[in-house]
């Protein structure tokens, strides 16, 4: 299961805003510095308002999982067009809802 979710995680970084939004659970919360704590609605708004990542490398992977929940922790190195390289420590919690995996939590700490 974790292998599938690592692919989903990478795809979330690189997907278009509509596709990325489909991966979010209705109760999703995300934490970004300096933006703060964002609800699903605010996350979807920000996905449409900012350029998506062109590439991402996920390293130092760790995960814990149950049948219905998986937490991914990792170091991300990402790039957008014309911007400096972004580096962060991240966690994402995926929950299984009606057979589909959805993001219920995501957090990034820039390093």
PDB file of N, CA and C in Angstrom:
ATOM      1  N   UNK A   1       0.821  -1.188   0.000  1.00  0.00           N
ATOM      2  CA  UNK A   1       0.000   0.000   0.000  1.00  0.00           C
ATOM      3  C   UNK A   1       0.870   1.260   0.000  1.00  0.00           C
ATOM      4  N   UNK A   2       1.921   1.265   0.801  1.00  0.00           N
ATOM      5  CA  UNK A   2       2.743   2.477   0.886  1.00  0.00           C
ATOM      6  C   UNK A   2       3.369   2.814  -0.467  1.00  0.00           C
ATOM      7  N   UNK A   3       3.768   1.805  -1.249  1.00  0.00           N
ATOM      8  CA  UNK A   3       4.352   2.087  -2.566  1.00  0.00           C
ATOM      9  C   UNK A   3       3.373   2.856  -3.446  1.00  0.00           C
ATOM     10  N   UNK A   4       2.115   2.432  -3.434  1.00  0.00           N
ATOM     11  CA  UNK A   4       1.078   3.135  -4.203  1.00  0.00           C
ATOM     12  C   UNK A   4       0.946   4.580  -3.736  1.00  0.00           C
ATOM     13  N   UNK A   5       0.977   4.784  -2.425  1.00  0.00           N
ATOM     14  CA  UNK A   5       0.798   6.141  -1.902  1.00  0.00           C
ATOM     15  C   UNK A   5       2.027   7.012  -2.134  1.00  0.00           C
ATOM     16  N   UNK A   6       3.220   6.439  -2.187  1.00  0.00           N
ATOM     17  CA  UNK A   6       4.388   7.243  -2.553  1.00  0.00           C
ATOM     18  C   UNK A   6       4.230   7.776  -3.974  1.00  0.00           C
ATOM     19  N   UNK A   7       3.693   6.961  -4.889  1.00  0.00           N
ATOM     20  CA  UNK A   7       3.427   7.434  -6.260  1.00  0.00           C
ATOM     21  C   UNK A   7       2.360   8.532  -6.241  1.00  0.00           C
ATOM     22  N   UNK A   8       1.294   8.319  -5.451  1.00  0.00           N
ATOM     23  CA  UNK A   8       0.236   9.322  -5.335  1.00  0.00           C
ATOM     24  C   UNK A   8       0.786  10.635  -4.768  1.00  0.00           C
ATOM     25  N   UNK A   9       1.683  10.523  -3.797  1.00  0.00           N
ATOM     26  CA  UNK A   9       2.272  11.715  -3.174  1.00  0.00           C
ATOM     27  C   UNK A   9       3.050  12.529  -4.203  1.00  0.00           C
ATOM     28  N   UNK A  10       3.881  11.850  -4.968  1.00  0.00           N
ATOM     29  CA  UNK A  10       4.655  12.536  -6.009  1.00  0.00           C
ATOM     30  C   UNK A  10       3.710  13.168  -7.033  1.00  0.00           C
ATOM     31  N   UNK A  11       2.695  12.412  -7.437  1.00  0.00           N
ATOM     32  CA  UNK A  11       1.730  12.941  -8.402  1.00  0.00           C
ATOM     33  C   UNK A  11       1.006  14.163  -7.851  1.00  0.00           C
ATOM     34  N   UNK A  12       0.720  14.182  -6.546  1.00  0.00           N
ATOM     35  CA  UNK A  12       0.049  15.330  -5.944  1.00  0.00           C
ATOM     36  C   UNK A  12       0.874  16.605  -6.125  1.00  0.00           C
ATOM     37  N   UNK A  13       2.183  16.509  -5.924  1.00  0.00           N
ATOM     38  CA  UNK A  13       3.067  17.669  -6.105  1.00  0.00           C
ATOM     39  C   UNK A  13       3.022  18.172  -7.547  1.00  0.00           C
ATOM     40  N   UNK A  14       2.956  17.263  -8.506  1.00  0.00           N
ATOM     41  CA  UNK A  14       3.133  17.621  -9.916  1.00  0.00           C
ATOM     42  C   UNK A  14       1.826  17.794 -10.688  1.00  0.00           C
ATOM     43  N   UNK A  15       0.716  17.363 -10.129  1.00  0.00           N
ATOM     44  CA  UNK A  15      -0.567  17.385 -10.842  1.00  0.00           C
ATOM     45  C   UNK A  15      -1.076  18.803 -11.041  1.00  0.00           C
ATOM     46  N   UNK A  16      -1.952  18.946 -12.007  1.00  0.00           N
ATOM     47  CA  UNK A  16      -2.668  20.205 -12.178  1.00  0.00           C
ATOM     48  C   UNK A  16      -3.548  20.451 -10.970  1.00  0.00           C
ATOM     49  N   UNK A  17      -4.010  21.678 -10.811  1.00  0.00           N
ATOM     50  CA  UNK A  17      -4.751  22.033  -9.605  1.00  0.00           C
ATOM     51  C   UNK A  17      -6.049  21.243  -9.450  1.00  0.00           C
ATOM     52  N   UNK A  18      -6.782  21.002 -10.540  1.00  0.00           N
ATOM     53  CA  UNK A  18      -8.048  20.260 -10.437  1.00  0.00           C
ATOM     54  C   UNK A  18      -7.799  18.816 -10.017  1.00  0.00           C
ATOM     55  N   UNK A  19      -6.787  18.193 -10.614  1.00  0.00           N
ATOM     56  CA  UNK A  19      -6.450  16.810 -10.254  1.00  0.00           C
ATOM     57  C   UNK A  19      -5.968  16.725  -8.811  1.00  0.00           C
ATOM     58  N   UNK A  20      -5.126  17.678  -8.405  1.00  0.00           N
ATOM     59  CA  UNK A  20      -4.632  17.686  -7.025  1.00  0.00           C
ATOM     60  C   UNK A  20      -5.790  17.856  -6.045  1.00  0.00           C
ATOM     61  N   UNK A  21      -6.725  18.738  -6.365  1.00  0.00           N
ATOM     62  CA  UNK A  21      -7.868  18.985  -5.482  1.00  0.00           C
ATOM     63  C   UNK A  21      -8.715  17.736  -5.292  1.00  0.00           C
ATOM     64  N   UNK A  22      -8.810  16.891  -6.308  1.00  0.00           N
ATOM     65  CA  UNK A  22      -9.592  15.654  -6.197  1.00  0.00           C
ATOM     66  C   UNK A  22      -9.002  14.690  -5.178  1.00  0.00           C
ATOM     67  N   UNK A  23      -7.737  14.830  -4.852  1.00  0.00           N
ATOM     68  CA  UNK A  23      -7.095  13.938  -3.886  1.00  0.00           C
ATOM     69  C   UNK A  23      -7.351  14.363  -2.438  1.00  0.00           C
ATOM     70  N   UNK A  24      -7.940  15.528  -2.228  1.00  0.00           N
ATOM     71  CA  UNK A  24      -8.123  16.064  -0.878  1.00  0.00           C
ATOM     72  C   UNK A  24      -9.418  15.578  -0.246  1.00  0.00           C
ATOM     73  N   UNK A  25      -9.327  15.120   0.990  1.00  0.00           N
ATOM     74  CA  UNK A  25     -10.500  14.755   1.772  1.00  0.00           C
ATOM     75  C   UNK A  25     -11.273  16.025   2.123  1.00  0.00           C
ATOM     76  N   UNK A  26     -12.585  15.914   2.322  1.00  0.00           N
ATOM     77  CA  UNK A  26     -13.398  17.084   2.677  1.00  0.00           C
ATOM     78  C   UNK A  26     -12.907  17.774   3.950  1.00  0.00           C
ATOM     79  N   UNK A  27     -12.378  17.009   4.896  1.00  0.00           N
ATOM     80  CA  UNK A  27     -11.910  17.581   6.152  1.00  0.00           C
ATOM     81  C   UNK A  27     -10.421  17.884   6.185  1.00  0.00           C
ATOM     82  N   UNK A  28      -9.788  17.945   5.027  1.00  0.00           N
ATOM     83  CA  UNK A  28      -8.340  18.123   4.939  1.00  0.00           C
ATOM     84  C   UNK A  28      -7.860  19.425   5.595  1.00  0.00           C
ATOM     85  N   UNK A  29      -6.737  19.310   6.308  1.00  0.00           N
ATOM     86  CA  UNK A  29      -6.023  20.463   6.857  1.00  0.00           C
ATOM     87  C   UNK A  29      -4.586  20.404   6.377  1.00  0.00           C
ATOM     88  N   UNK A  30      -4.036  21.559   6.045  1.00  0.00           N
ATOM     89  CA  UNK A  30      -2.632  21.646   5.657  1.00  0.00           C
ATOM     90  C   UNK A  30      -1.970  22.793   6.403  1.00  0.00           C
ATOM     91  N   UNK A  31      -0.663  22.649   6.638  1.00  0.00           N
ATOM     92  CA  UNK A  31       0.111  23.670   7.346  1.00  0.00           C
ATOM     93  C   UNK A  31       1.324  24.024   6.506  1.00  0.00           C
ATOM     94  N   UNK A  32       1.436  25.324   6.182  1.00  0.00           N
ATOM     95  CA  UNK A  32       2.562  25.842   5.418  1.00  0.00           C
ATOM     96  C   UNK A  32       3.080  27.099   6.102  1.00  0.00           C
ATOM     97  N   UNK A  33       4.418  27.270   6.094  1.00  0.00           N
ATOM     98  CA  UNK A  33       5.001  28.523   6.570  1.00  0.00           C
ATOM     99  C   UNK A  33       5.221  29.397   5.343  1.00  0.00           C
ATOM    100  N   UNK A  34       4.851  30.629   5.331  1.00  0.00           N
ATOM    101  CA  UNK A  34       4.240  31.401   6.407  1.00  0.00           C
ATOM    102  C   UNK A  34       2.714  31.430   6.344  1.00  0.00           C
ATOM    103  N   UNK A  35       2.093  30.699   5.404  1.00  0.00           N
ATOM    104  CA  UNK A  35       0.639  30.794   5.192  1.00  0.00           C
ATOM    105  C   UNK A  35      -0.174  30.385   6.415  1.00  0.00           C
ATOM    106  N   UNK A  36       0.321  29.415   7.180  1.00  0.00           N
ATOM    107  CA  UNK A  36      -0.394  28.976   8.373  1.00  0.00           C
ATOM    108  C   UNK A  36      -1.225  27.736   8.123  1.00  0.00           C
ATOM    109  N   UNK A  37      -2.331  27.627   8.840  1.00  0.00           N
ATOM    110  CA  UNK A  37      -3.213  26.465   8.779  1.00  0.00           C
ATOM    111  C   UNK A  37      -4.291  26.732   7.734  1.00  0.00           C
ATOM    112  N   UNK A  38      -4.420  25.814   6.774  1.00  0.00           N
ATOM    113  CA  UNK A  38      -5.375  25.982   5.684  1.00  0.00           C
ATOM    114  C   UNK A  38      -6.393  24.845   5.672  1.00  0.00           C
ATOM    115  N   UNK A  39      -7.661  25.207   5.516  1.00  0.00           N
ATOM    116  CA  UNK A  39      -8.709  24.210   5.327  1.00  0.00           C
ATOM    117  C   UNK A  39      -8.712  23.775   3.867  1.00  0.00           C
ATOM    118  N   UNK A  40      -9.487  22.764   3.550  1.00  0.00           N
ATOM    119  CA  UNK A  40      -9.567  22.270   2.179  1.00  0.00           C
ATOM    120  C   UNK A  40      -9.922  23.400   1.208  1.00  0.00           C
ATOM    121  N   UNK A  41     -10.894  24.225   1.551  1.00  0.00           N
ATOM    122  CA  UNK A  41     -11.311  25.313   0.676  1.00  0.00           C
ATOM    123  C   UNK A  41     -10.149  26.241   0.353  1.00  0.00           C
ATOM    124  N   UNK A  42      -9.385  26.623   1.366  1.00  0.00           N
ATOM    125  CA  UNK A  42      -8.236  27.519   1.153  1.00  0.00           C
ATOM    126  C   UNK A  42      -7.139  26.828   0.346  1.00  0.00           C
ATOM    127  N   UNK A  43      -6.940  25.541   0.582  1.00  0.00           N
ATOM    128  CA  UNK A  43      -5.934  24.796  -0.181  1.00  0.00           C
ATOM    129  C   UNK A  43      -6.314  24.786  -1.660  1.00  0.00           C
ATOM    130  N   UNK A  44      -7.581  24.495  -1.955  1.00  0.00           N
ATOM    131  CA  UNK A  44      -8.032  24.461  -3.346  1.00  0.00           C
ATOM    132  C   UNK A  44      -7.861  25.836  -3.993  1.00  0.00           C
ATOM    133  N   UNK A  45      -8.189  26.899  -3.275  1.00  0.00           N
ATOM    134  CA  UNK A  45      -7.984  28.259  -3.808  1.00  0.00           C
ATOM    135  C   UNK A  45      -6.510  28.507  -4.111  1.00  0.00           C
ATOM    136  N   UNK A  46      -5.625  28.103  -3.199  1.00  0.00           N
ATOM    137  CA  UNK A  46      -4.197  28.350  -3.403  1.00  0.00           C
ATOM    138  C   UNK A  46      -3.636  27.498  -4.544  1.00  0.00           C
ATOM    139  N   UNK A  47      -4.176  26.285  -4.741  1.00  0.00           N
ATOM    140  CA  UNK A  47      -3.724  25.446  -5.859  1.00  0.00           C
ATOM    141  C   UNK A  47      -3.982  26.143  -7.194  1.00  0.00           C
ATOM    142  N   UNK A  48      -5.115  26.816  -7.298  1.00  0.00           N
ATOM    143  CA  UNK A  48      -5.455  27.501  -8.536  1.00  0.00           C
ATOM    144  C   UNK A  48      -4.719  28.817  -8.727  1.00  0.00           C
ATOM    145  N   UNK A  49      -4.208  29.385  -7.623  1.00  0.00           N
ATOM    146  CA  UNK A  49      -3.598  30.712  -7.682  1.00  0.00           C
ATOM    147  C   UNK A  49      -2.075  30.681  -7.800  1.00  0.00           C
ATOM    148  N   UNK A  50      -1.457  29.527  -7.643  1.00  0.00           N
ATOM    149  CA  UNK A  50       0.004  29.480  -7.708  1.00  0.00           C
ATOM    150  C   UNK A  50       0.450  28.444  -8.733  1.00  0.00           C
ATOM    151  N   UNK A  51       1.630  28.649  -9.329  1.00  0.00           N
ATOM    152  CA  UNK A  51       2.113  27.681 -10.323  1.00  0.00           C
ATOM    153  C   UNK A  51       2.424  26.337  -9.660  1.00  0.00           C
ATOM    154  N   UNK A  52       2.138  25.270 -10.378  1.00  0.00           N
ATOM    155  CA  UNK A  52       2.414  23.934  -9.860  1.00  0.00           C
ATOM    156  C   UNK A  52       3.912  23.643  -9.971  1.00  0.00           C
ATOM    157  N   UNK A  53       4.352  22.660  -9.242  1.00  0.00           N
ATOM    158  CA  UNK A  53       5.747  22.245  -9.264  1.00  0.00           C
ATOM    159  C   UNK A  53       6.052  21.543 -10.580  1.00  0.00           C
ATOM    160  N   UNK A  54       7.236  21.783 -11.114  1.00  0.00           N
ATOM    161  CA  UNK A  54       7.648  21.122 -12.348  1.00  0.00           C
ATOM    162  C   UNK A  54       8.388  19.823 -12.068  1.00  0.00           C
ATOM    163  N   UNK A  55       9.066  19.764 -10.939  1.00  0.00           N
ATOM    164  CA  UNK A  55       9.770  18.539 -10.561  1.00  0.00           C
ATOM    165  C   UNK A  55       9.861  18.463  -9.054  1.00  0.00           C
ATOM    166  N   UNK A  56       9.909  17.243  -8.546  1.00  0.00           N
ATOM    167  CA  UNK A  56      10.067  17.018  -7.114  1.00  0.00           C
ATOM    168  C   UNK A  56      10.863  15.734  -6.901  1.00  0.00           C
ATOM    169  N   UNK A  57      11.762  15.782  -5.933  1.00  0.00           N
ATOM    170  CA  UNK A  57      12.486  14.599  -5.495  1.00  0.00           C
ATOM    171  C   UNK A  57      12.086  14.348  -4.055  1.00  0.00           C
ATOM    172  N   UNK A  58      11.688  13.129  -3.770  1.00  0.00           N
ATOM    173  CA  UNK A  58      11.273  12.736  -2.422  1.00  0.00           C
ATOM    174  C   UNK A  58      12.314  11.762  -1.886  1.00  0.00           C
ATOM    175  N   UNK A  59      12.933  12.134  -0.752  1.00  0.00           N
ATOM    176  CA  UNK A  59      13.982  11.293  -0.169  1.00  0.00           C
ATOM    177  C   UNK A  59      13.748  11.130   1.333  1.00  0.00           C
ATOM    178  N   UNK A  60      14.615  10.370   1.972  1.00  0.00           N
ATOM    179  CA  UNK A  60      14.529  10.116   3.425  1.00  0.00           C
ATOM    180  C   UNK A  60      13.120   9.678   3.820  1.00  0.00           C
ATOM    181  N   UNK A  61      12.573   8.757   3.078  1.00  0.00           N
ATOM    182  CA  UNK A  61      11.191   8.310   3.260  1.00  0.00           C
ATOM    183  C   UNK A  61      11.000   7.469   4.523  1.00  0.00           C
ATOM    184  N   UNK A  62       9.891   7.708   5.179  1.00  0.00           N
ATOM    185  CA  UNK A  62       9.452   6.878   6.306  1.00  0.00           C
ATOM    186  C   UNK A  62       7.934   6.819   6.245  1.00  0.00           C
ATOM    187  N   UNK A  63       7.354   5.719   6.698  1.00  0.00           N
ATOM    188  CA  UNK A  63       5.898   5.616   6.688  1.00  0.00           C
ATOM    189  C   UNK A  63       5.419   4.685   7.786  1.00  0.00           C
ATOM    190  N   UNK A  64       4.175   4.915   8.204  1.00  0.00           N
ATOM    191  CA  UNK A  64       3.462   3.992   9.078  1.00  0.00           C
ATOM    192  C   UNK A  64       2.088   3.810   8.451  1.00  0.00           C
ATOM    193  N   UNK A  65       1.526   2.611   8.597  1.00  0.00           N
ATOM    194  CA  UNK A  65       0.251   2.378   7.944  1.00  0.00           C
ATOM    195  C   UNK A  65      -0.613   1.379   8.694  1.00  0.00           C
ATOM    196  N   UNK A  66      -1.911   1.551   8.498  1.00  0.00           N
ATOM    197  CA  UNK A  66      -2.919   0.595   8.927  1.00  0.00           C
ATOM    198  C   UNK A  66      -3.758   0.292   7.677  1.00  0.00           C
ATOM    199  N   UNK A  67      -4.837  -0.440   7.829  1.00  0.00           N
ATOM    200  CA  UNK A  67      -5.692  -0.734   6.676  1.00  0.00           C
ATOM    201  C   UNK A  67      -6.347   0.517   6.107  1.00  0.00           C
ATOM    202  N   UNK A  68      -6.604   1.497   6.956  1.00  0.00           N
ATOM    203  CA  UNK A  68      -7.363   2.670   6.534  1.00  0.00           C
ATOM    204  C   UNK A  68      -6.586   3.980   6.565  1.00  0.00           C
ATOM    205  N   UNK A  69      -5.341   3.948   7.041  1.00  0.00           N
ATOM    206  CA  UNK A  69      -4.583   5.178   7.238  1.00  0.00           C
ATOM    207  C   UNK A  69      -3.118   4.930   6.923  1.00  0.00           C
ATOM    208  N   UNK A  70      -2.474   5.922   6.307  1.00  0.00           N
ATOM    209  CA  UNK A  70      -1.039   5.841   6.048  1.00  0.00           C
ATOM    210  C   UNK A  70      -0.435   7.230   6.229  1.00  0.00           C
ATOM    211  N   UNK A  71       0.638   7.316   7.007  1.00  0.00           N
ATOM    212  CA  UNK A  71       1.353   8.571   7.207  1.00  0.00           C
ATOM    213  C   UNK A  71       2.697   8.458   6.500  1.00  0.00           C
ATOM    214  N   UNK A  72       2.959   9.397   5.600  1.00  0.00           N
ATOM    215  CA  UNK A  72       4.229   9.476   4.893  1.00  0.00           C
ATOM    216  C   UNK A  72       5.019  10.653   5.448  1.00  0.00           C
ATOM    217  N   UNK A  73       6.282  10.439   5.718  1.00  0.00           N
ATOM    218  CA  UNK A  73       7.182  11.506   6.165  1.00  0.00           C
ATOM    219  C   UNK A  73       8.400  11.468   5.243  1.00  0.00           C
ATOM    220  N   UNK A  74       8.864  12.657   4.827  1.00  0.00           N
ATOM    221  CA  UNK A  74       9.941  12.676   3.850  1.00  0.00           C
ATOM    222  C   UNK A  74      10.555  14.071   3.718  1.00  0.00           C
ATOM    223  N   UNK A  75      11.645  14.116   2.977  1.00  0.00           N
ATOM    224  CA  UNK A  75      12.307  15.361   2.594  1.00  0.00           C
ATOM    225  C   UNK A  75      11.985  15.594   1.118  1.00  0.00           C
ATOM    226  N   UNK A  76      11.472  16.778   0.804  1.00  0.00           N
ATOM    227  CA  UNK A  76      11.145  17.131  -0.584  1.00  0.00           C
ATOM    228  C   UNK A  76      12.098  18.200  -1.088  1.00  0.00           C
ATOM    229  N   UNK A  77      12.528  18.044  -2.320  1.00  0.00           N
ATOM    230  CA  UNK A  77      13.291  19.050  -3.044  1.00  0.00           C
ATOM    231  C   UNK A  77      12.522  19.289  -4.340  1.00  0.00           C
ATOM    232  N   UNK A  78      12.027  20.524  -4.525  1.00  0.00           N
ATOM    233  CA  UNK A  78      11.129  20.789  -5.652  1.00  0.00           C
ATOM    234  C   UNK A  78      11.510  22.076  -6.369  1.00  0.00           C
ATOM    235  N   UNK A  79      11.064  22.170  -7.629  1.00  0.00           N
ATOM    236  CA  UNK A  79      11.323  23.365  -8.442  1.00  0.00           C
ATOM    237  C   UNK A  79      10.072  23.785  -9.197  1.00  0.00           C
ATOM    238  N   UNK A  80       9.922  25.103  -9.272  1.00  0.00           N
ATOM    239  CA  UNK A  80       8.932  25.732 -10.140  1.00  0.00           C
ATOM    240  C   UNK A  80       9.695  26.527 -11.179  1.00  0.00           C
ATOM    241  N   UNK A  81       9.053  26.821 -12.284  1.00  0.00           N
ATOM    242  CA  UNK A  81       9.699  27.598 -13.346  1.00  0.00           C
ATOM    243  C   UNK A  81      10.152  28.948 -12.810  1.00  0.00           C
ATOM    244  N   UNK A  82      11.424  29.284 -13.044  1.00  0.00           N
ATOM    245  CA  UNK A  82      11.953  30.581 -12.677  1.00  0.00           C
ATOM    246  C   UNK A  82      12.137  30.830 -11.188  1.00  0.00           C
ATOM    247  N   UNK A  83      12.011  29.803 -10.367  1.00  0.00           N
ATOM    248  CA  UNK A  83      12.132  29.978  -8.913  1.00  0.00           C
ATOM    249  C   UNK A  83      13.312  29.171  -8.373  1.00  0.00           C
ATOM    250  N   UNK A  84      13.755  29.553  -7.192  1.00  0.00           N
ATOM    251  CA  UNK A  84      14.823  28.817  -6.535  1.00  0.00           C
ATOM    252  C   UNK A  84      14.322  27.457  -6.075  1.00  0.00           C
ATOM    253  N   UNK A  85      15.241  26.547  -5.850  1.00  0.00           N
ATOM    254  CA  UNK A  85      14.896  25.216  -5.350  1.00  0.00           C
ATOM    255  C   UNK A  85      14.274  25.337  -3.966  1.00  0.00           C
ATOM    256  N   UNK A  86      13.197  24.605  -3.754  1.00  0.00           N
ATOM    257  CA  UNK A  86      12.479  24.584  -2.481  1.00  0.00           C
ATOM    258  C   UNK A  86      12.787  23.261  -1.786  1.00  0.00           C
ATOM    259  N   UNK A  87      13.126  23.352  -0.501  1.00  0.00           N
ATOM    260  CA  UNK A  87      13.425  22.153   0.292  1.00  0.00           C
ATOM    261  C   UNK A  87      12.579  22.187   1.557  1.00  0.00           C
ATOM    262  N   UNK A  88      11.978  21.043   1.876  1.00  0.00           N
ATOM    263  CA  UNK A  88      11.120  20.988   3.062  1.00  0.00           C
ATOM    264  C   UNK A  88      11.066  19.574   3.616  1.00  0.00           C
ATOM    265  N   UNK A  89      10.814  19.502   4.925  1.00  0.00           N
ATOM    266  CA  UNK A  89      10.443  18.246   5.568  1.00  0.00           C
ATOM    267  C   UNK A  89       8.924  18.203   5.553  1.00  0.00           C
ATOM    268  N   UNK A  90       8.353  17.073   5.154  1.00  0.00           N
ATOM    269  CA  UNK A  90       6.908  16.997   4.943  1.00  0.00           C
ATOM    270  C   UNK A  90       6.304  15.760   5.612  1.00  0.00           C
ATOM    271  N   UNK A  91       5.049  15.880   5.962  1.00  0.00           N
ATOM    272  CA  UNK A  91       4.234  14.729   6.337  1.00  0.00           C
ATOM    273  C   UNK A  91       2.906  14.844   5.607  1.00  0.00           C
ATOM    274  N   UNK A  92       2.398  13.703   5.202  1.00  0.00           N
ATOM    275  CA  UNK A  92       1.068  13.625   4.610  1.00  0.00           C
ATOM    276  C   UNK A  92       0.370  12.422   5.215  1.00  0.00           C
ATOM    277  N   UNK A  93      -0.871  12.629   5.628  1.00  0.00           N
ATOM    278  CA  UNK A  93      -1.683  11.533   6.131  1.00  0.00           C
ATOM    279  C   UNK A  93      -2.760  11.242   5.099  1.00  0.00           C
ATOM    280  N   UNK A  94      -2.760  10.003   4.620  1.00  0.00           N
ATOM    281  CA  UNK A  94      -3.738   9.529   3.650  1.00  0.00           C
ATOM    282  C   UNK A  94      -4.749   8.647   4.383  1.00  0.00           C
ATOM    283  N   UNK A  95      -6.037   8.808   4.047  1.00  0.00           N
ATOM    284  CA  UNK A  95      -7.098   8.012   4.647  1.00  0.00           C
ATOM    285  C   UNK A  95      -7.894   7.340   3.529  1.00  0.00           C
ATOM    286  N   UNK A  96      -8.291   6.099   3.784  1.00  0.00           N
ATOM    287  CA  UNK A  96      -9.097   5.391   2.786  1.00  0.00           C
ATOM    288  C   UNK A  96     -10.573   5.684   3.045  1.00  0.00           C
ATOM    289  N   UNK A  97     -11.237   6.239   2.046  1.00  0.00           N
ATOM    290  CA  UNK A  97     -12.670   6.553   2.125  1.00  0.00           C
ATOM    291  C   UNK A  97     -13.363   5.868   0.947  1.00  0.00           C
ATOM    292  N   UNK A  98     -14.251   4.965   1.249  1.00  0.00           N
ATOM    293  CA  UNK A  98     -15.008   4.253   0.205  1.00  0.00           C
ATOM    294  C   UNK A  98     -14.084   3.653  -0.853  1.00  0.00           C
ATOM    295  N   UNK A  99     -12.955   3.097  -0.405  1.00  0.00           N
ATOM    296  CA  UNK A  99     -12.020   2.427  -1.303  1.00  0.00           C
ATOM    297  C   UNK A  99     -11.002   3.328  -1.976  1.00  0.00           C
ATOM    298  N   UNK A 100     -11.151   4.649  -1.870  1.00  0.00           N
ATOM    299  CA  UNK A 100     -10.211   5.593  -2.483  1.00  0.00           C
ATOM    300  C   UNK A 100      -9.347   6.238  -1.410  1.00  0.00           C
ATOM    301  N   UNK A 101      -8.095   6.513  -1.749  1.00  0.00           N
ATOM    302  CA  UNK A 101      -7.188   7.197  -0.843  1.00  0.00           C
ATOM    303  C   UNK A 101      -7.329   8.700  -1.019  1.00  0.00           C
ATOM    304  N   UNK A 102      -7.444   9.426   0.096  1.00  0.00           N
ATOM    305  CA  UNK A 102      -7.573  10.876   0.105  1.00  0.00           C
ATOM    306  C   UNK A 102      -6.598  11.461   1.130  1.00  0.00           C
ATOM    307  N   UNK A 103      -6.134  12.667   0.849  1.00  0.00           N
ATOM    308  CA  UNK A 103      -5.247  13.363   1.782  1.00  0.00           C
ATOM    309  C   UNK A 103      -6.105  14.026   2.854  1.00  0.00           C
ATOM    310  N   UNK A 104      -5.832  13.705   4.103  1.00  0.00           N
ATOM    311  CA  UNK A 104      -6.555  14.317   5.213  1.00  0.00           C
ATOM    312  C   UNK A 104      -5.680  15.342   5.940  1.00  0.00           C
ATOM    313  N   UNK A 105      -4.354  15.236   5.750  1.00  0.00           N
ATOM    314  CA  UNK A 105      -3.424  16.170   6.400  1.00  0.00           C
ATOM    315  C   UNK A 105      -2.148  16.243   5.590  1.00  0.00           C
ATOM    316  N   UNK A 106      -1.599  17.452   5.481  1.00  0.00           N
ATOM    317  CA  UNK A 106      -0.290  17.638   4.863  1.00  0.00           C
ATOM    318  C   UNK A 106       0.381  18.831   5.547  1.00  0.00           C
ATOM    319  N   UNK A 107       1.688  18.709   5.782  1.00  0.00           N
ATOM    320  CA  UNK A 107       2.443  19.759   6.454  1.00  0.00           C
ATOM    321  C   UNK A 107       3.809  19.857   5.813  1.00  0.00           C
ATOM    322  N   UNK A 108       4.311  21.080   5.661  1.00  0.00           N
ATOM    323  CA  UNK A 108       5.656  21.311   5.141  1.00  0.00           C
ATOM    324  C   UNK A 108       6.415  22.245   6.051  1.00  0.00           C
ATOM    325  N   UNK A 109       7.629  21.854   6.398  1.00  0.00           N
ATOM    326  CA  UNK A 109       8.521  22.705   7.172  1.00  0.00           C
ATOM    327  C   UNK A 109       9.739  23.005   6.304  1.00  0.00           C
ATOM    328  N   UNK A 110       9.877  24.227   5.796  1.00  0.00           N
ATOM    329  CA  UNK A 110      11.035  24.560   4.959  1.00  0.00           C
ATOM    330  C   UNK A 110      12.350  24.330   5.713  1.00  0.00           C
ATOM    331  N   UNK A 111      13.344  23.830   4.980  1.00  0.00           N
ATOM    332  CA  UNK A 111      14.674  23.627   5.558  1.00  0.00           C
ATOM    333  C   UNK A 111      15.717  24.297   4.682  1.00  0.00           C
TER     334      UNK A 111
END
